[in-house]
C-alpha cells in the first residue's frame, strides 16, 4: 500500500535534500509493528537530520522524524494489536532508523509505549521528545528532593520545546518558575504558561570569576549548557539540583567543582534516547496527569510534511517557539 513520506537523499556532491514522495509499504524497514502515523513534531535533532550536511543520518535514502504518535496497523508482538494507540520517542529512530515523517512506520515493539488514557495522538506530539525530556528532568529533580515551596525553579531556554513544557508542568505543580529567554517578545507567552518572572538571557550568559554567587535557585531545568550552565551552578541553593537536558549554548562547561564540594549541588544528566521502558511509561503517565492541556494547546503551531525543510532550518537558528505539531496526513 502506498504512503507519503518526507525522504532525504544525498546527491553525488554529498549534499542532502528532502522532498515529499510516495513510497510503497514494502520499502519500510523490518520490524515487529507497523504503525499508521498520525502526528510527528520538530526537534533540534530533526533540524540536524534535515540540514544540508545530513546531521545524524547514517544512510540514504532516509525518512527523518525522531518521534511520532499513531495507531497500530499490524503487529507480530503480543503486546500490541491493531487499533492500539502508541507513541515513539528515542532509540535513534529518525537518525539511524526510518522515523516519523511518514504516514507509516515499522519498528521494534520494544521501542513503543502505549498512549496513556486521555492523551490523544495530537497531544502526544505536542508533548513529543521535548516534553518527554522535560518530564524526565522534573522527575529527576523530584527524586533529588525538589518540592513546591522550596523556592524559585529556573528554566533556561524557556521559550523552546523543552523549556515551554517544563515551565507549564512546574507551574501546574505549584513551583515558582523563573524563565530565561533571550527573546523579550516571548514574555507574555511564558507568563501564560505559568512563569512567575522572566530572566533576561544576558543576566546569565557570561561566566564570572567567583565560583559561588548568592544562593538563588531551588532547582533548574537547563536546556542551554555552556557558560550559562556554569554560571547557574554557582547560584544554586545548598543541596539543590540542575537537570541538564541540552547544549544549545555549547557542549563545553567552563565550571569549577566548588559548587559540588561546598554546596552539595547535583548535576543530573537527562537522556531521553535510551531511557528504560518502565521509566518511559512512568513519564508518559505523569505527562497525562500533570501537564495542563490548555497550556499545551497554547504552545502548538501546526505544520505538514511540506513545511518540514523550512522548519528544520528554523529550529537550528532558535526561531521555533513552543511545539510544532506535524500532521503527516495533511
C-alpha atoms as a PDB file:
ATOM      1  CA  UNK A   1       0.000   0.000   0.000  1.00  0.00           C
ATOM      2  CA  UNK A   2       1.373   3.435  -0.944  1.00  0.00           C
ATOM      3  CA  UNK A   3       2.011   6.191   1.594  1.00  0.00           C
ATOM      4  CA  UNK A   4       3.557   9.657   1.692  1.00  0.00           C
ATOM      5  CA  UNK A   5       6.860  10.409   3.401  1.00  0.00           C
ATOM      6  CA  UNK A   6       9.492  13.126   3.576  1.00  0.00           C
ATOM      7  CA  UNK A   7      12.555  11.437   2.085  1.00  0.00           C
ATOM      8  CA  UNK A   8      16.064  12.877   2.476  1.00  0.00           C
ATOM      9  CA  UNK A   9      18.534  11.904  -0.256  1.00  0.00           C
ATOM     10  CA  UNK A  10      22.218  12.659  -0.855  1.00  0.00           C
ATOM     11  CA  UNK A  11      23.464  13.666  -4.301  1.00  0.00           C
ATOM     12  CA  UNK A  12      26.800  12.885  -5.962  1.00  0.00           C
ATOM     13  CA  UNK A  13      28.335  16.039  -4.485  1.00  0.00           C
ATOM     14  CA  UNK A  14      27.479  14.964  -0.938  1.00  0.00           C
ATOM     15  CA  UNK A  15      24.666  17.481  -0.467  1.00  0.00           C
ATOM     16  CA  UNK A  16      21.362  16.376   1.009  1.00  0.00           C
ATOM     17  CA  UNK A  17      17.875  17.484   0.104  1.00  0.00           C
ATOM     18  CA  UNK A  18      14.416  16.443   1.244  1.00  0.00           C
ATOM     19  CA  UNK A  19      11.177  16.049  -0.672  1.00  0.00           C
ATOM     20  CA  UNK A  20       7.754  14.550  -0.089  1.00  0.00           C
ATOM     21  CA  UNK A  21       7.497  11.288  -2.029  1.00  0.00           C
ATOM     22  CA  UNK A  22       5.096   8.382  -2.402  1.00  0.00           C
ATOM     23  CA  UNK A  23       6.573   5.094  -1.177  1.00  0.00           C
ATOM     24  CA  UNK A  24       5.381   1.512  -1.093  1.00  0.00           C
ATOM     25  CA  UNK A  25       4.905  -0.311   2.208  1.00  0.00           C
ATOM     26  CA  UNK A  26       7.402  -2.931   1.006  1.00  0.00           C
ATOM     27  CA  UNK A  27      10.108  -0.242   1.287  1.00  0.00           C
ATOM     28  CA  UNK A  28       9.660   0.056   5.054  1.00  0.00           C
ATOM     29  CA  UNK A  29      12.483  -1.388   7.176  1.00  0.00           C
ATOM     30  CA  UNK A  30      11.946  -4.654   9.069  1.00  0.00           C
ATOM     31  CA  UNK A  31      10.225  -4.600  12.443  1.00  0.00           C
ATOM     32  CA  UNK A  32       7.583  -6.172  14.704  1.00  0.00           C
ATOM     33  CA  UNK A  33       4.943  -3.457  14.490  1.00  0.00           C
ATOM     34  CA  UNK A  34       3.581  -1.354  11.632  1.00  0.00           C
ATOM     35  CA  UNK A  35       2.068   1.960  12.713  1.00  0.00           C
ATOM     36  CA  UNK A  36      -0.210   4.325  10.833  1.00  0.00           C
ATOM     37  CA  UNK A  37       1.479   7.563  11.881  1.00  0.00           C
ATOM     38  CA  UNK A  38      -0.836  10.496  12.565  1.00  0.00           C
ATOM     39  CA  UNK A  39       1.395  13.178  14.055  1.00  0.00           C
ATOM     40  CA  UNK A  40       5.072  13.993  14.496  1.00  0.00           C
ATOM     41  CA  UNK A  41       6.930  17.127  15.564  1.00  0.00           C
ATOM     42  CA  UNK A  42      10.161  19.080  15.063  1.00  0.00           C
ATOM     43  CA  UNK A  43      13.146  18.785  17.407  1.00  0.00           C
ATOM     44  CA  UNK A  44      16.697  20.102  17.243  1.00  0.00           C
ATOM     45  CA  UNK A  45      17.909  16.671  16.108  1.00  0.00           C
ATOM     46  CA  UNK A  46      15.348  16.751  13.316  1.00  0.00           C
ATOM     47  CA  UNK A  47      16.800  20.058  12.174  1.00  0.00           C
ATOM     48  CA  UNK A  48      20.235  18.458  12.012  1.00  0.00           C
ATOM     49  CA  UNK A  49      18.946  15.488  10.018  1.00  0.00           C
ATOM     50  CA  UNK A  50      17.104  17.767   7.587  1.00  0.00           C
ATOM     51  CA  UNK A  51      20.086  20.106   7.157  1.00  0.00           C
ATOM     52  CA  UNK A  52      22.423  20.211   4.179  1.00  0.00           C
ATOM     53  CA  UNK A  53      25.026  18.031   5.888  1.00  0.00           C
ATOM     54  CA  UNK A  54      22.596  15.302   6.938  1.00  0.00           C
ATOM     55  CA  UNK A  55      23.445  15.626  10.624  1.00  0.00           C
ATOM     56  CA  UNK A  56      22.982  12.302  12.406  1.00  0.00           C
ATOM     57  CA  UNK A  57      21.783  10.268   9.414  1.00  0.00           C
ATOM     58  CA  UNK A  58      23.816   7.135   8.670  1.00  0.00           C
ATOM     59  CA  UNK A  59      22.496   6.029   5.257  1.00  0.00           C
ATOM     60  CA  UNK A  60      20.321   7.286   2.407  1.00  0.00           C
ATOM     61  CA  UNK A  61      17.585   7.488   1.328  1.00  0.00           C
ATOM     62  CA  UNK A  62      16.264   8.270   4.779  1.00  0.00           C
ATOM     63  CA  UNK A  63      12.993   9.228   6.458  1.00  0.00           C
ATOM     64  CA  UNK A  64      13.694  11.543   9.446  1.00  0.00           C
ATOM     65  CA  UNK A  65      11.476  12.277  12.440  1.00  0.00           C
ATOM     66  CA  UNK A  66      12.696  11.253  15.891  1.00  0.00           C
ATOM     67  CA  UNK A  67       9.215  10.872  17.367  1.00  0.00           C
ATOM     68  CA  UNK A  68       5.651  10.128  16.334  1.00  0.00           C
ATOM     69  CA  UNK A  69       2.246   9.053  17.573  1.00  0.00           C
ATOM     70  CA  UNK A  70      -0.250   6.890  15.741  1.00  0.00           C
ATOM     71  CA  UNK A  71      -2.322   3.720  15.614  1.00  0.00           C
ATOM     72  CA  UNK A  72      -1.053   0.157  15.233  1.00  0.00           C
ATOM     73  CA  UNK A  73      -1.958  -1.345  11.855  1.00  0.00           C
ATOM     74  CA  UNK A  74      -0.322  -4.752  12.272  1.00  0.00           C
ATOM     75  CA  UNK A  75       1.763  -6.426  14.968  1.00  0.00           C
ATOM     76  CA  UNK A  76       3.769  -9.632  15.332  1.00  0.00           C
ATOM     77  CA  UNK A  77       4.229  -8.872  19.038  1.00  0.00           C
ATOM     78  CA  UNK A  78       1.503  -9.902  21.524  1.00  0.00           C
ATOM     79  CA  UNK A  79       1.857  -6.626  23.456  1.00  0.00           C
ATOM     80  CA  UNK A  80       0.231  -4.687  20.619  1.00  0.00           C
ATOM     81  CA  UNK A  81      -2.772  -5.258  18.401  1.00  0.00           C
ATOM     82  CA  UNK A  82      -4.366  -3.365  15.524  1.00  0.00           C
ATOM     83  CA  UNK A  83      -6.095  -0.229  16.792  1.00  0.00           C
ATOM     84  CA  UNK A  84      -3.780   0.407  19.765  1.00  0.00           C
ATOM     85  CA  UNK A  85      -2.623   4.000  20.103  1.00  0.00           C
ATOM     86  CA  UNK A  86       1.148   4.286  20.601  1.00  0.00           C
ATOM     87  CA  UNK A  87       3.894   6.869  20.941  1.00  0.00           C
ATOM     88  CA  UNK A  88       7.546   6.603  19.932  1.00  0.00           C
ATOM     89  CA  UNK A  89      10.494   8.661  21.154  1.00  0.00           C
ATOM     90  CA  UNK A  90      14.204   7.907  21.062  1.00  0.00           C
ATOM     91  CA  UNK A  91      16.047   4.679  20.186  1.00  0.00           C
ATOM     92  CA  UNK A  92      17.854   6.512  17.312  1.00  0.00           C
ATOM     93  CA  UNK A  93      14.643   6.400  15.255  1.00  0.00           C
ATOM     94  CA  UNK A  94      14.765   9.207  12.699  1.00  0.00           C
ATOM     95  CA  UNK A  95      18.564   9.105  12.834  1.00  0.00           C
ATOM     96  CA  UNK A  96      19.749   5.531  12.209  1.00  0.00           C
ATOM     97  CA  UNK A  97      16.285   4.045  11.630  1.00  0.00           C
ATOM     98  CA  UNK A  98      13.465   5.449   9.490  1.00  0.00           C
ATOM     99  CA  UNK A  99      11.308   7.786  11.540  1.00  0.00           C
ATOM    100  CA  UNK A 100       8.025   9.601  11.869  1.00  0.00           C
ATOM    101  CA  UNK A 101       7.953  11.953   8.884  1.00  0.00           C
ATOM    102  CA  UNK A 102       5.752   9.485   7.022  1.00  0.00           C
ATOM    103  CA  UNK A 103       2.244   8.098   7.044  1.00  0.00           C
ATOM    104  CA  UNK A 104       3.602   4.674   8.019  1.00  0.00           C
ATOM    105  CA  UNK A 105       6.437   3.389  10.204  1.00  0.00           C
ATOM    106  CA  UNK A 106       7.683  -0.104  11.027  1.00  0.00           C
ATOM    107  CA  UNK A 107       9.896  -0.760  14.036  1.00  0.00           C
ATOM    108  CA  UNK A 108      10.635  -2.914  17.078  1.00  0.00           C
ATOM    109  CA  UNK A 109       7.825  -3.328  19.592  1.00  0.00           C
ATOM    110  CA  UNK A 110      10.262  -2.639  22.449  1.00  0.00           C
ATOM    111  CA  UNK A 111      10.599   0.944  21.252  1.00  0.00           C
ATOM    112  CA  UNK A 112       6.904   1.778  21.555  1.00  0.00           C
ATOM    113  CA  UNK A 113       4.907   2.984  24.549  1.00  0.00           C
ATOM    114  CA  UNK A 114       1.110   2.604  24.825  1.00  0.00           C
ATOM    115  CA  UNK A 115      -0.519   6.023  24.791  1.00  0.00           C
ATOM    116  CA  UNK A 116      -1.967   6.760  28.247  1.00  0.00           C
ATOM    117  CA  UNK A 117      -5.746   7.114  28.551  1.00  0.00           C
ATOM    118  CA  UNK A 118      -6.913  10.662  27.986  1.00  0.00           C
ATOM    119  CA  UNK A 119      -3.971  11.650  25.787  1.00  0.00           C
ATOM    120  CA  UNK A 120      -4.667  11.987  22.059  1.00  0.00           C
ATOM    121  CA  UNK A 121      -2.066  11.311  19.385  1.00  0.00           C
ATOM    122  CA  UNK A 122      -2.055  15.051  18.597  1.00  0.00           C
ATOM    123  CA  UNK A 123      -1.473  15.966  22.250  1.00  0.00           C
ATOM    124  CA  UNK A 124       1.263  13.336  22.480  1.00  0.00           C
ATOM    125  CA  UNK A 125       3.189  15.087  19.714  1.00  0.00           C
ATOM    126  CA  UNK A 126       2.508  18.495  21.191  1.00  0.00           C
ATOM    127  CA  UNK A 127       4.480  16.945  24.062  1.00  0.00           C
ATOM    128  CA  UNK A 128       6.884  14.918  21.891  1.00  0.00           C
ATOM    129  CA  UNK A 129      10.504  14.216  22.715  1.00  0.00           C
ATOM    130  CA  UNK A 130      10.897  17.734  24.098  1.00  0.00           C
ATOM    131  CA  UNK A 131       8.056  17.387  26.583  1.00  0.00           C
ATOM    132  CA  UNK A 132       9.030  13.819  27.435  1.00  0.00           C
ATOM    133  CA  UNK A 133      12.532  15.116  28.221  1.00  0.00           C
ATOM    134  CA  UNK A 134      11.068  17.917  30.332  1.00  0.00           C
ATOM    135  CA  UNK A 135       9.116  15.395  32.389  1.00  0.00           C
ATOM    136  CA  UNK A 136      12.183  13.197  32.848  1.00  0.00           C
ATOM    137  CA  UNK A 137      14.023  16.288  34.119  1.00  0.00           C
ATOM    138  CA  UNK A 138      11.247  17.128  36.560  1.00  0.00           C
ATOM    139  CA  UNK A 139      11.100  13.540  37.846  1.00  0.00           C
ATOM    140  CA  UNK A 140      14.873  13.584  38.400  1.00  0.00           C
ATOM    141  CA  UNK A 141      14.633  16.853  40.336  1.00  0.00           C
ATOM    142  CA  UNK A 142      11.812  15.417  42.454  1.00  0.00           C
ATOM    143  CA  UNK A 143      13.819  12.242  43.098  1.00  0.00           C
ATOM    144  CA  UNK A 144      16.561  14.520  44.452  1.00  0.00           C
ATOM    145  CA  UNK A 145      14.256  16.363  46.833  1.00  0.00           C
ATOM    146  CA  UNK A 146      12.640  19.227  44.915  1.00  0.00           C
ATOM    147  CA  UNK A 147       9.239  20.140  46.334  1.00  0.00           C
ATOM    148  CA  UNK A 148       6.839  23.037  45.712  1.00  0.00           C
ATOM    149  CA  UNK A 149       7.554  25.925  48.054  1.00  0.00           C
ATOM    150  CA  UNK A 150      11.321  25.326  48.150  1.00  0.00           C
ATOM    151  CA  UNK A 151      11.998  28.491  46.153  1.00  0.00           C
ATOM    152  CA  UNK A 152      12.325  29.590  42.567  1.00  0.00           C
ATOM    153  CA  UNK A 153      12.994  26.947  39.914  1.00  0.00           C
ATOM    154  CA  UNK A 154      14.965  28.232  36.935  1.00  0.00           C
ATOM    155  CA  UNK A 155      14.176  27.095  33.387  1.00  0.00           C
ATOM    156  CA  UNK A 156      16.729  28.107  30.754  1.00  0.00           C
ATOM    157  CA  UNK A 157      15.843  28.234  27.074  1.00  0.00           C
ATOM    158  CA  UNK A 158      12.299  28.576  28.370  1.00  0.00           C
ATOM    159  CA  UNK A 159      10.600  29.504  25.077  1.00  0.00           C
ATOM    160  CA  UNK A 160      11.891  26.358  23.337  1.00  0.00           C
ATOM    161  CA  UNK A 161      10.180  22.984  23.291  1.00  0.00           C
ATOM    162  CA  UNK A 162      11.676  21.501  26.472  1.00  0.00           C
ATOM    163  CA  UNK A 163      11.534  24.811  28.302  1.00  0.00           C
ATOM    164  CA  UNK A 164       7.901  25.502  27.403  1.00  0.00           C
ATOM    165  CA  UNK A 165       6.669  22.160  28.692  1.00  0.00           C
ATOM    166  CA  UNK A 166       8.902  22.318  31.778  1.00  0.00           C
ATOM    167  CA  UNK A 167       7.572  25.788  32.613  1.00  0.00           C
ATOM    168  CA  UNK A 168       3.945  24.676  32.265  1.00  0.00           C
ATOM    169  CA  UNK A 169       4.333  21.491  34.329  1.00  0.00           C
ATOM    170  CA  UNK A 170       6.379  23.104  37.098  1.00  0.00           C
ATOM    171  CA  UNK A 171       3.847  25.930  37.438  1.00  0.00           C
ATOM    172  CA  UNK A 172       0.947  23.467  37.402  1.00  0.00           C
ATOM    173  CA  UNK A 173       2.556  21.559  40.292  1.00  0.00           C
ATOM    174  CA  UNK A 174       2.896  24.732  42.378  1.00  0.00           C
ATOM    175  CA  UNK A 175       6.512  25.699  41.748  1.00  0.00           C
ATOM    176  CA  UNK A 176       7.574  29.323  41.318  1.00  0.00           C
ATOM    177  CA  UNK A 177       9.171  29.380  37.866  1.00  0.00           C
ATOM    178  CA  UNK A 178      11.806  31.844  36.679  1.00  0.00           C
ATOM    179  CA  UNK A 179      12.010  31.570  32.882  1.00  0.00           C
ATOM    180  CA  UNK A 180      15.166  32.527  30.998  1.00  0.00           C
ATOM    181  CA  UNK A 181      14.867  33.788  27.428  1.00  0.00           C
ATOM    182  CA  UNK A 182      16.840  35.960  25.061  1.00  0.00           C
ATOM    183  CA  UNK A 183      13.659  36.945  23.233  1.00  0.00           C
ATOM    184  CA  UNK A 184      11.818  39.715  25.141  1.00  0.00           C
ATOM    185  CA  UNK A 185       8.793  39.336  22.863  1.00  0.00           C
ATOM    186  CA  UNK A 186       8.169  35.907  24.451  1.00  0.00           C
ATOM    187  CA  UNK A 187       7.420  37.339  27.907  1.00  0.00           C
ATOM    188  CA  UNK A 188       3.621  37.167  27.538  1.00  0.00           C
ATOM    189  CA  UNK A 189       3.845  33.647  26.119  1.00  0.00           C
ATOM    190  CA  UNK A 190       5.966  32.419  29.035  1.00  0.00           C
ATOM    191  CA  UNK A 191       3.817  34.094  31.669  1.00  0.00           C
ATOM    192  CA  UNK A 192       0.803  32.488  30.011  1.00  0.00           C
ATOM    193  CA  UNK A 193       2.465  29.113  30.604  1.00  0.00           C
ATOM    194  CA  UNK A 194       2.844  29.964  34.284  1.00  0.00           C
ATOM    195  CA  UNK A 195       6.247  31.644  34.635  1.00  0.00           C
ATOM    196  CA  UNK A 196       6.299  33.922  37.686  1.00  0.00           C
ATOM    197  CA  UNK A 197       9.060  36.095  36.270  1.00  0.00           C
ATOM    198  CA  UNK A 198      11.276  36.450  33.245  1.00  0.00           C
ATOM    199  CA  UNK A 199      15.081  36.416  33.482  1.00  0.00           C
ATOM    200  CA  UNK A 200      16.873  38.041  30.509  1.00  0.00           C
ATOM    201  CA  UNK A 201      19.393  35.664  28.971  1.00  0.00           C
ATOM    202  CA  UNK A 202      22.095  38.333  29.186  1.00  0.00           C
ATOM    203  CA  UNK A 203      21.897  38.158  33.006  1.00  0.00           C
ATOM    204  CA  UNK A 204      23.268  34.603  32.916  1.00  0.00           C
ATOM    205  CA  UNK A 205      25.144  34.418  29.628  1.00  0.00           C
ATOM    206  CA  UNK A 206      28.652  35.096  30.902  1.00  0.00           C
ATOM    207  CA  UNK A 207      30.834  33.235  33.349  1.00  0.00           C
ATOM    208  CA  UNK A 208      32.193  35.053  36.378  1.00  0.00           C
ATOM    209  CA  UNK A 209      35.456  34.601  38.255  1.00  0.00           C
ATOM    210  CA  UNK A 210      33.686  33.778  41.516  1.00  0.00           C
ATOM    211  CA  UNK A 211      32.866  30.054  41.666  1.00  0.00           C
ATOM    212  CA  UNK A 212      29.940  30.770  44.023  1.00  0.00           C
ATOM    213  CA  UNK A 213      27.341  33.528  43.995  1.00  0.00           C
ATOM    214  CA  UNK A 214      24.281  34.136  46.173  1.00  0.00           C
ATOM    215  CA  UNK A 215      22.125  31.035  46.681  1.00  0.00           C
ATOM    216  CA  UNK A 216      19.191  31.754  44.379  1.00  0.00           C
ATOM    217  CA  UNK A 217      17.613  28.717  42.722  1.00  0.00           C
ATOM    218  CA  UNK A 218      15.923  25.720  44.374  1.00  0.00           C
ATOM    219  CA  UNK A 219      16.200  23.733  41.151  1.00  0.00           C
ATOM    220  CA  UNK A 220      16.896  24.156  37.460  1.00  0.00           C
ATOM    221  CA  UNK A 221      15.954  22.597  34.121  1.00  0.00           C
ATOM    222  CA  UNK A 222      18.793  23.636  31.812  1.00  0.00           C
ATOM    223  CA  UNK A 223      18.444  23.327  28.041  1.00  0.00           C
ATOM    224  CA  UNK A 224      21.382  25.615  27.232  1.00  0.00           C
ATOM    225  CA  UNK A 225      24.585  24.224  28.756  1.00  0.00           C
ATOM    226  CA  UNK A 226      27.886  26.016  28.178  1.00  0.00           C
ATOM    227  CA  UNK A 227      28.669  29.210  30.041  1.00  0.00           C
ATOM    228  CA  UNK A 228      25.104  29.630  31.268  1.00  0.00           C
ATOM    229  CA  UNK A 229      25.089  26.236  32.993  1.00  0.00           C
ATOM    230  CA  UNK A 230      28.430  27.044  34.602  1.00  0.00           C
ATOM    231  CA  UNK A 231      27.012  30.311  35.919  1.00  0.00           C
ATOM    232  CA  UNK A 232      23.831  28.687  37.209  1.00  0.00           C
ATOM    233  CA  UNK A 233      25.754  26.004  39.123  1.00  0.00           C
ATOM    234  CA  UNK A 234      27.299  28.742  41.251  1.00  0.00           C
ATOM    235  CA  UNK A 235      23.863  30.182  42.058  1.00  0.00           C
ATOM    236  CA  UNK A 236      22.127  27.017  43.235  1.00  0.00           C
ATOM    237  CA  UNK A 237      20.899  26.692  46.805  1.00  0.00           C
ATOM    238  CA  UNK A 238      22.604  24.219  49.121  1.00  0.00           C
ATOM    239  CA  UNK A 239      21.832  20.644  48.060  1.00  0.00           C
ATOM    240  CA  UNK A 240      19.822  21.761  45.018  1.00  0.00           C
ATOM    241  CA  UNK A 241      19.952  20.072  41.622  1.00  0.00           C
ATOM    242  CA  UNK A 242      20.266  21.041  37.970  1.00  0.00           C
ATOM    243  CA  UNK A 243      18.770  18.728  35.342  1.00  0.00           C
ATOM    244  CA  UNK A 244      20.868  19.173  32.175  1.00  0.00           C
ATOM    245  CA  UNK A 245      18.876  18.401  29.025  1.00  0.00           C
ATOM    246  CA  UNK A 246      20.555  20.307  26.179  1.00  0.00           C
ATOM    247  CA  UNK A 247      23.544  22.126  24.745  1.00  0.00           C
ATOM    248  CA  UNK A 248      22.154  24.999  22.688  1.00  0.00           C
ATOM    249  CA  UNK A 249      24.836  27.209  24.270  1.00  0.00           C
ATOM    250  CA  UNK A 250      27.682  24.773  23.635  1.00  0.00           C
ATOM    251  CA  UNK A 251      28.983  21.421  24.817  1.00  0.00           C
ATOM    252  CA  UNK A 252      31.827  22.858  26.890  1.00  0.00           C
ATOM    253  CA  UNK A 253      31.370  23.509  30.602  1.00  0.00           C
ATOM    254  CA  UNK A 254      33.691  26.273  31.898  1.00  0.00           C
ATOM    255  CA  UNK A 255      32.945  25.495  35.554  1.00  0.00           C
ATOM    256  CA  UNK A 256      34.752  24.514  38.748  1.00  0.00           C
ATOM    257  CA  UNK A 257      33.960  21.704  41.189  1.00  0.00           C
ATOM    258  CA  UNK A 258      33.389  24.208  44.022  1.00  0.00           C
ATOM    259  CA  UNK A 259      29.551  24.209  43.826  1.00  0.00           C
ATOM    260  CA  UNK A 260      29.570  20.423  44.141  1.00  0.00           C
ATOM    261  CA  UNK A 261      32.008  20.373  47.065  1.00  0.00           C
ATOM    262  CA  UNK A 262      30.872  23.370  49.130  1.00  0.00           C
ATOM    263  CA  UNK A 263      27.137  23.416  48.436  1.00  0.00           C
ATOM    264  CA  UNK A 264      26.414  19.782  47.566  1.00  0.00           C
ATOM    265  CA  UNK A 265      24.922  20.795  44.236  1.00  0.00           C
ATOM    266  CA  UNK A 266      23.823  17.923  41.969  1.00  0.00           C
ATOM    267  CA  UNK A 267      24.223  17.973  38.191  1.00  0.00           C
ATOM    268  CA  UNK A 268      21.771  15.436  36.745  1.00  0.00           C
ATOM    269  CA  UNK A 269      22.211  14.276  33.166  1.00  0.00           C
ATOM    270  CA  UNK A 270      18.914  13.602  31.387  1.00  0.00           C
ATOM    271  CA  UNK A 271      18.892  11.146  28.489  1.00  0.00           C
ATOM    272  CA  UNK A 272      15.662  10.518  26.611  1.00  0.00           C
ATOM    273  CA  UNK A 273      17.017   8.282  23.832  1.00  0.00           C
ATOM    274  CA  UNK A 274      17.822   5.027  25.643  1.00  0.00           C
ATOM    275  CA  UNK A 275      15.540   5.507  28.657  1.00  0.00           C
ATOM    276  CA  UNK A 276      14.320   2.157  30.098  1.00  0.00           C
ATOM    277  CA  UNK A 277      10.761   1.172  29.183  1.00  0.00           C
ATOM    278  CA  UNK A 278       9.376   1.300  32.740  1.00  0.00           C
ATOM    279  CA  UNK A 279      10.585   4.874  33.203  1.00  0.00           C
ATOM    280  CA  UNK A 280       9.107   5.823  29.829  1.00  0.00           C
ATOM    281  CA  UNK A 281       5.728   4.554  30.995  1.00  0.00           C
ATOM    282  CA  UNK A 282       6.099   6.449  34.263  1.00  0.00           C
ATOM    283  CA  UNK A 283       6.959   9.672  32.434  1.00  0.00           C
ATOM    284  CA  UNK A 284       4.068   9.449  29.958  1.00  0.00           C
ATOM    285  CA  UNK A 285       1.612   8.681  32.745  1.00  0.00           C
ATOM    286  CA  UNK A 286       2.867  11.741  34.635  1.00  0.00           C
ATOM    287  CA  UNK A 287       2.502  13.848  31.474  1.00  0.00           C
ATOM    288  CA  UNK A 288      -1.108  12.756  31.052  1.00  0.00           C
ATOM    289  CA  UNK A 289      -1.793  13.625  34.691  1.00  0.00           C
ATOM    290  CA  UNK A 290       0.258  16.768  35.333  1.00  0.00           C
ATOM    291  CA  UNK A 291       0.531  18.698  32.076  1.00  0.00           C
ATOM    292  CA  UNK A 292      -2.245  21.309  31.787  1.00  0.00           C
ATOM    293  CA  UNK A 293      -3.841  20.667  28.404  1.00  0.00           C
ATOM    294  CA  UNK A 294      -4.971  24.271  27.956  1.00  0.00           C
ATOM    295  CA  UNK A 295      -1.365  25.402  28.338  1.00  0.00           C
ATOM    296  CA  UNK A 296      -0.242  22.676  25.943  1.00  0.00           C
ATOM    297  CA  UNK A 297      -2.675  23.952  23.315  1.00  0.00           C
ATOM    298  CA  UNK A 298      -1.169  27.440  23.623  1.00  0.00           C
ATOM    299  CA  UNK A 299       2.262  26.067  22.623  1.00  0.00           C
ATOM    300  CA  UNK A 300       1.135  24.422  19.368  1.00  0.00           C
ATOM    301  CA  UNK A 301       1.989  25.570  15.861  1.00  0.00           C
ATOM    302  CA  UNK A 302       0.500  23.265  13.154  1.00  0.00           C
ATOM    303  CA  UNK A 303       2.529  22.013  10.183  1.00  0.00           C
ATOM    304  CA  UNK A 304       2.540  19.469   7.347  1.00  0.00           C
ATOM    305  CA  UNK A 305       5.235  17.318   5.727  1.00  0.00           C
ATOM    306  CA  UNK A 306       5.826  20.047   3.132  1.00  0.00           C
ATOM    307  CA  UNK A 307       6.717  22.549   5.902  1.00  0.00           C
ATOM    308  CA  UNK A 308       9.478  20.412   7.407  1.00  0.00           C
ATOM    309  CA  UNK A 309      12.560  21.547   5.430  1.00  0.00           C
ATOM    310  CA  UNK A 310      11.805  25.171   6.364  1.00  0.00           C
ATOM    311  CA  UNK A 311      11.083  24.338   9.999  1.00  0.00           C
ATOM    312  CA  UNK A 312      14.218  22.204  10.301  1.00  0.00           C
ATOM    313  CA  UNK A 313      16.337  25.199   9.309  1.00  0.00           C
ATOM    314  CA  UNK A 314      14.386  27.489  11.642  1.00  0.00           C
ATOM    315  CA  UNK A 315      14.823  25.359  14.760  1.00  0.00           C
ATOM    316  CA  UNK A 316      18.608  25.299  14.279  1.00  0.00           C
ATOM    317  CA  UNK A 317      18.520  29.113  14.358  1.00  0.00           C
ATOM    318  CA  UNK A 318      16.443  29.200  17.541  1.00  0.00           C
ATOM    319  CA  UNK A 319      13.443  30.578  15.648  1.00  0.00           C
ATOM    320  CA  UNK A 320      10.848  27.965  16.653  1.00  0.00           C
ATOM    321  CA  UNK A 321       8.692  28.701  19.698  1.00  0.00           C
ATOM    322  CA  UNK A 322       6.892  26.054  21.701  1.00  0.00           C
ATOM    323  CA  UNK A 323       5.797  22.879  19.976  1.00  0.00           C
ATOM    324  CA  UNK A 324       5.305  22.232  16.259  1.00  0.00           C
ATOM    325  CA  UNK A 325       2.708  19.500  15.608  1.00  0.00           C
ATOM    326  CA  UNK A 326       3.099  17.920  12.164  1.00  0.00           C
ATOM    327  CA  UNK A 327       0.001  16.264  10.740  1.00  0.00           C
ATOM    328  CA  UNK A 328       1.689  13.810   8.391  1.00  0.00           C
ATOM    329  CA  UNK A 329      -1.653  13.065   6.709  1.00  0.00           C
ATOM    330  CA  UNK A 330      -2.340  16.702   5.751  1.00  0.00           C
END
